[in-house]
Protein backbone atom coordinates (compact mmCIF):
# COMPACT_ATOMS: atom_id res chain seq x y z
CA UNK A 1 0.08 0.01 -0.03
CA UNK A 2 1.67 3.37 -1.17
CA UNK A 3 1.32 6.28 1.16
CA UNK A 4 0.22 9.35 -0.73
CA UNK A 5 0.63 13.12 0.42
CA UNK A 6 -1.54 15.58 -1.53
CA UNK A 7 -0.41 19.24 -1.86
CA UNK A 8 -3.20 21.78 -2.24
CA UNK A 9 -3.95 25.50 -2.43
CA UNK A 10 -7.64 25.59 -3.33
CA UNK A 11 -10.96 23.77 -3.27
CA UNK A 12 -9.66 20.38 -3.45
CA UNK A 13 -11.91 18.71 -5.98
CA UNK A 14 -8.93 16.75 -7.42
CA UNK A 15 -7.83 15.78 -3.95
CA UNK A 16 -11.37 14.57 -3.28
CA UNK A 17 -11.24 12.37 -6.39
CA UNK A 18 -7.92 10.82 -5.30
CA UNK A 19 -9.40 10.11 -1.69
CA UNK A 20 -12.56 8.57 -3.14
CA UNK A 21 -10.61 6.29 -5.53
CA UNK A 22 -8.52 5.00 -2.63
CA UNK A 23 -11.72 4.08 -0.81
CA UNK A 24 -14.02 2.70 -3.53
CA UNK A 25 -12.18 3.25 -6.89
CA UNK A 26 -9.12 2.07 -8.77
CA UNK A 27 -6.72 2.95 -5.94
CA UNK A 28 -8.35 0.76 -3.30
CA UNK A 29 -5.93 -1.58 -1.78
CA UNK A 30 -3.05 0.23 -3.73
CA UNK A 31 -2.87 3.52 -2.00
CA UNK A 32 -4.01 5.77 0.90
CA UNK A 33 -3.83 9.33 1.35
CA UNK A 34 -1.96 10.01 4.67
CA UNK A 35 -1.30 13.68 4.54
CA UNK A 36 -2.64 16.86 3.00
CA UNK A 37 -0.48 20.04 3.00
CA UNK A 38 -2.06 23.32 2.22
CA UNK A 39 -0.21 26.49 1.18
CA UNK A 40 -3.36 28.30 2.11
CA UNK A 41 -4.97 28.04 5.54
CA UNK A 42 -8.39 29.12 4.10
CA UNK A 43 -8.23 26.48 1.25
CA UNK A 44 -11.62 24.49 1.11
CA UNK A 45 -9.48 21.47 0.58
CA UNK A 46 -8.54 21.50 4.29
CA UNK A 47 -12.15 21.05 5.28
CA UNK A 48 -12.68 18.19 2.88
CA UNK A 49 -9.53 16.52 4.26
CA UNK A 50 -10.59 16.88 7.91
CA UNK A 51 -13.99 15.51 6.91
CA UNK A 52 -12.08 12.39 5.65
CA UNK A 53 -10.17 12.23 9.03
CA UNK A 54 -6.79 12.76 7.06
CA UNK A 55 -3.91 14.69 8.70
CA UNK A 56 -3.88 18.31 7.46
CA UNK A 57 -0.83 20.59 7.84
CA UNK A 58 -1.01 24.29 6.54
CA UNK A 59 2.43 25.45 5.52
CA UNK A 60 2.31 29.14 4.34
CA UNK A 61 5.30 30.94 2.77
CA UNK A 62 4.57 34.09 4.76
CA UNK A 63 5.63 32.20 7.89
CA UNK A 64 9.08 31.53 6.68
CA UNK A 65 12.16 33.70 6.00
CA UNK A 66 12.87 32.12 2.67
CA UNK A 67 11.87 29.42 0.11
CA UNK A 68 14.48 26.99 1.55
CA UNK A 69 13.24 26.99 5.04
CA UNK A 70 9.62 26.65 3.72
CA UNK A 71 10.51 23.80 1.40
CA UNK A 72 12.46 22.10 4.29
CA UNK A 73 9.29 22.28 6.52
CA UNK A 74 7.25 20.58 3.78
CA UNK A 75 9.96 17.86 3.35
CA UNK A 76 9.88 17.21 7.09
CA UNK A 77 6.17 16.58 7.01
CA UNK A 78 6.39 14.40 4.12
CA UNK A 79 9.21 12.36 5.84
CA UNK A 80 7.30 12.16 9.16
CA UNK A 81 4.36 10.30 7.49
CA UNK A 82 6.71 8.19 5.25
CA UNK A 83 5.04 9.44 2.05
CA UNK A 84 5.74 7.39 -1.00
CA UNK A 85 4.19 9.62 -3.69
CA UNK A 86 3.27 13.26 -3.75
CA UNK A 87 0.32 14.44 -5.69
CA UNK A 88 -0.05 18.14 -6.41
CA UNK A 89 -3.83 19.01 -6.66
CA UNK A 90 -4.42 22.66 -7.37
CA UNK A 91 -1.10 23.53 -5.71
CA UNK A 92 0.06 26.90 -7.02
CA UNK A 93 3.59 27.12 -5.79
CA UNK A 94 6.66 25.64 -7.48
CA UNK A 95 8.11 22.68 -5.61
CA UNK A 96 11.48 23.17 -4.16
CA UNK A 97 14.68 21.33 -5.29
CA UNK A 98 15.02 20.12 -1.76
CA UNK A 99 11.70 18.11 -2.15
CA UNK A 100 12.17 17.03 -5.84
CA UNK A 101 15.73 15.60 -4.98
CA UNK A 102 14.14 13.30 -2.45
CA UNK A 103 11.16 12.25 -4.52
CA UNK A 104 12.52 11.89 -8.05
CA UNK A 105 9.78 10.53 -10.38
CA UNK A 106 7.36 10.35 -7.48
CA UNK A 107 5.80 13.86 -7.73
CA UNK A 108 2.74 14.22 -9.94
CA UNK A 109 0.69 17.22 -10.97
CA UNK A 110 -2.47 17.72 -12.78
CA UNK A 111 -2.76 20.55 -15.21
CA UNK A 112 -5.93 21.80 -16.90
CA UNK A 113 -4.80 21.97 -20.49
CA UNK A 114 -3.04 19.83 -23.06
CA UNK A 115 0.61 20.55 -22.14
CA UNK A 116 2.85 21.88 -23.48
CA UNK A 117 -0.02 24.32 -24.57
CA UNK A 118 -1.05 26.76 -21.97
CA UNK A 119 1.40 25.90 -19.24
CA UNK A 120 4.02 27.82 -17.41
CA UNK A 121 4.15 30.50 -14.68
CA UNK A 122 0.82 32.19 -13.94
CA UNK A 123 -1.13 29.50 -16.10
CA UNK A 124 -3.33 27.83 -13.59
CA UNK A 125 -7.15 27.59 -12.83
CA UNK A 126 -9.34 30.01 -14.72
CA UNK A 127 -6.33 31.73 -16.36
CA UNK A 128 -5.81 28.66 -18.41
CA UNK A 129 -9.44 28.32 -19.50
CA UNK A 130 -9.55 32.04 -20.36
CA UNK A 131 -6.43 31.71 -22.61
CA UNK A 132 -7.83 28.56 -24.33
CA UNK A 133 -11.11 30.43 -25.19
CA UNK A 134 -9.31 33.63 -26.28
CA UNK A 135 -7.02 31.57 -28.62
CA UNK A 136 -10.23 29.94 -30.15
CA UNK A 137 -8.89 26.37 -29.50
CA UNK A 138 -11.18 23.52 -30.54
CA UNK A 139 -9.61 21.25 -28.03
CA UNK A 140 -8.48 21.44 -24.48
CA UNK A 141 -8.07 18.91 -21.79
CA UNK A 142 -6.06 17.72 -18.81
CA UNK A 143 -2.56 16.47 -18.36
CA UNK A 144 -0.96 14.50 -15.53
CA UNK A 145 2.79 14.76 -15.47
CA UNK A 146 5.83 14.42 -13.26
CA UNK A 147 7.17 17.70 -11.94
CA UNK A 148 10.59 19.17 -12.36
CA UNK A 149 12.00 22.36 -11.22
CA UNK A 150 10.10 24.49 -13.84
CA UNK A 151 6.29 25.01 -14.18
CA UNK A 152 4.55 22.27 -16.24
CA UNK A 153 7.68 21.03 -18.03
CA UNK A 154 8.06 17.45 -16.45
CA UNK A 155 7.48 14.18 -18.39
CA UNK A 156 3.77 13.73 -19.27
CA UNK A 157 2.25 10.47 -17.73
CA UNK A 158 -1.33 10.85 -19.50
CA UNK A 159 -3.64 13.28 -21.30
CA UNK A 160 -7.24 13.46 -22.11
CA UNK A 161 -8.88 15.80 -24.52
CA UNK A 162 -12.19 17.56 -24.36
CA UNK A 163 -13.97 19.50 -27.01
CA UNK A 164 -14.24 23.34 -26.86
CA UNK A 165 -17.31 24.57 -28.51
CA UNK A 166 -17.61 27.72 -30.41
CA UNK A 167 -19.91 29.56 -27.75
CA UNK A 168 -18.05 28.16 -24.77
CA UNK A 169 -17.11 30.52 -21.96
CA UNK A 170 -14.00 29.77 -19.89
CA UNK A 171 -16.48 28.45 -17.08
CA UNK A 172 -17.97 25.92 -19.58
CA UNK A 173 -14.38 24.65 -20.55
CA UNK A 174 -13.47 24.53 -16.85
CA UNK A 175 -16.42 22.29 -16.04
CA UNK A 176 -15.74 19.89 -18.83
CA UNK A 177 -11.95 19.74 -17.98
CA UNK A 178 -12.53 19.11 -14.31
CA UNK A 179 -14.53 16.10 -15.06
CA UNK A 180 -11.72 14.70 -17.14
CA UNK A 181 -9.13 15.70 -14.49
CA UNK A 182 -10.94 13.75 -11.77
CA UNK A 183 -11.01 10.67 -14.06
CA UNK A 184 -7.33 10.63 -15.20
CA UNK A 185 -5.62 11.59 -12.01
CA UNK A 186 -6.31 8.40 -10.15
CA UNK A 187 -5.49 6.41 -13.28
CA UNK A 188 -2.14 8.13 -13.61
CA UNK A 189 -1.36 7.54 -9.83
CA UNK A 190 -2.22 3.74 -10.40
CA UNK A 191 0.30 3.62 -13.26
CA UNK A 192 3.03 5.13 -11.30
CA UNK A 193 2.38 2.80 -8.38
CA UNK A 194 2.43 -0.18 -10.70
CA UNK A 195 5.75 1.01 -12.10
CA UNK A 196 7.29 1.56 -8.66
CA UNK A 197 6.18 -1.92 -7.68
CA UNK A 198 8.14 -3.34 -10.44
CA UNK A 199 11.36 -1.75 -9.20
């Protein structure tokens, strides 16, 4: 059974889909969520995690003198629970080298576009969907990828497309993409676990 830590900043809908899949979905018997770390103490994701009786830790950058001490604190919490895999779910901070070095090819992120399109700094949440609509794209989707030291440039694990209709608003695209995100993230985690189990 692999131990998952989920890093969040917002509402936690992707986190919830991971938790649900460990209880009654494709991750049942393969993984459990043992820790949720939030970069925002007001994130609704923290309420969701507490409702599931999962340990929640809020680690906010404003409480640290620099990025290094902030990342060191996150790493300490991950080590405390013996996390095997880290899942970013709407986590809007870049992950520090201190953490990446300890969890090489074991940190996953979900992004609400078909990377490499509409990725990079500042491209998260509604900003992505607004850019997709503005560019008159006919397709968008979601991508699960390993993370590296840059935004959205790590190796892609899986992607799924959704159609973008002519009259779609960014909100319409967001709803369609979120459905796909919640479907493909647990599948990608399962694939990573199966590969780790082969090592």
